[in-house]
Amino acid sequence: MMQSRKAEPELIAQALQTGRLSVEDEHGFHHELYAACPRDGSHVAPVRTIWRRDADGRHIDQLEFHCPRCGRTWQAERTELHLR
């Protein structure tokens, strides 16, 4: 469950480490990951998940986004990810 005391970057890192694209809050509501389009600022959900396997197991390494407004496709850095 999402804990309001944790910072958004920490919650996002936890979600990616466990292979999830959303974080559940204390009321059961799921907050999905999104990134703002670098061209027009639209909030865009991930369209492709790039997985990585290491000694700790399988986790999300990178997310690819595609903006329906301007047509741009990009891979967002973790610092560019937010929760809805």
Protein backbone atom coordinates (compact mmCIF):
# COMPACT_ATOMS: atom_id res chain seq x y z
CA MET A 1 0.00 0.00 0.00
CA MET A 2 1.11 3.52 -0.74
CA GLN A 3 2.29 5.31 2.35
CA SER A 4 1.77 9.06 2.34
CA ARG A 5 5.02 9.56 4.28
CA LYS A 6 7.18 8.24 1.43
CA ALA A 7 8.34 10.61 -1.29
CA GLU A 8 7.08 10.07 -4.83
CA PRO A 9 10.52 9.08 -6.24
CA GLU A 10 10.88 6.41 -3.56
CA LEU A 11 7.41 4.99 -4.34
CA ILE A 12 8.18 4.96 -8.07
CA ALA A 13 11.50 3.17 -7.47
CA GLN A 14 9.71 0.55 -5.34
CA ALA A 15 7.06 0.01 -8.03
CA LEU A 16 9.65 -0.49 -10.78
CA GLN A 17 11.73 -2.80 -8.59
CA THR A 18 8.68 -5.01 -8.00
CA GLY A 19 7.58 -4.89 -11.66
CA ARG A 20 4.47 -2.76 -11.16
CA LEU A 21 3.19 0.23 -13.13
CA SER A 22 1.05 1.54 -10.29
CA VAL A 23 1.21 2.11 -6.53
CA GLU A 24 -1.72 1.28 -4.26
CA ASP A 25 -2.60 3.81 -1.55
CA GLU A 26 -4.04 3.12 1.90
CA HIS A 27 -7.60 3.24 0.47
CA GLY A 28 -6.91 0.68 -2.26
CA PHE A 29 -6.76 3.25 -5.08
CA HIS A 30 -4.04 2.56 -7.68
CA HIS A 31 -1.91 5.54 -8.74
CA GLU A 32 -0.49 4.84 -12.21
CA LEU A 33 2.89 5.93 -13.51
CA TYR A 34 3.01 8.61 -16.21
CA ALA A 35 5.48 10.99 -17.81
CA ALA A 36 4.96 14.45 -19.28
CA CYS A 37 5.64 14.69 -23.02
CA PRO A 38 8.80 16.75 -23.59
CA ARG A 39 7.14 18.51 -26.57
CA ASP A 40 3.68 19.45 -25.37
CA GLY A 41 3.48 18.51 -21.67
CA SER A 42 0.70 15.92 -22.10
CA HIS A 43 0.48 13.31 -19.36
CA VAL A 44 1.24 10.00 -21.09
CA ALA A 45 0.99 6.42 -19.79
CA PRO A 46 3.75 3.93 -20.69
CA VAL A 47 3.23 1.91 -23.88
CA ARG A 48 6.17 -0.47 -23.55
CA THR A 49 7.97 -1.96 -20.58
CA ILE A 50 11.65 -2.91 -20.85
CA TRP A 51 12.56 -5.60 -18.31
CA ARG A 52 15.93 -6.45 -16.82
CA ARG A 53 17.02 -9.53 -14.91
CA ASP A 54 19.89 -9.43 -12.43
CA ALA A 55 20.94 -11.15 -9.20
CA ASP A 56 17.96 -9.55 -7.38
CA GLY A 57 15.46 -10.89 -9.91
CA ARG A 58 13.38 -9.32 -12.67
CA HIS A 59 12.45 -5.63 -12.56
CA ILE A 60 11.41 -2.80 -14.86
CA ASP A 61 14.52 -1.12 -16.21
CA GLN A 62 12.99 1.43 -18.60
CA LEU A 63 9.58 2.61 -19.80
CA GLU A 64 8.76 3.78 -23.30
CA PHE A 65 6.06 6.40 -23.90
CA HIS A 66 4.19 7.57 -26.99
CA CYS A 67 2.33 10.89 -27.02
CA PRO A 68 -0.98 10.66 -28.90
CA ARG A 69 -1.06 14.44 -29.43
CA CYS A 70 2.31 15.08 -31.08
CA GLY A 71 3.35 11.53 -32.05
CA ARG A 72 6.66 11.56 -30.19
CA THR A 73 8.00 8.28 -28.75
CA TRP A 74 10.65 8.38 -26.03
CA GLN A 75 12.11 6.55 -23.05
CA ALA A 76 11.68 8.55 -19.88
CA GLU A 77 14.28 8.68 -17.14
CA ARG A 78 13.15 7.69 -13.64
CA THR A 79 13.35 11.34 -12.58
CA GLU A 80 10.70 12.17 -15.23
CA LEU A 81 8.13 9.67 -13.87
CA HIS A 82 5.18 10.71 -11.71
CA LEU A 83 2.14 9.11 -10.07
CA ARG A 84 -1.43 10.07 -11.00
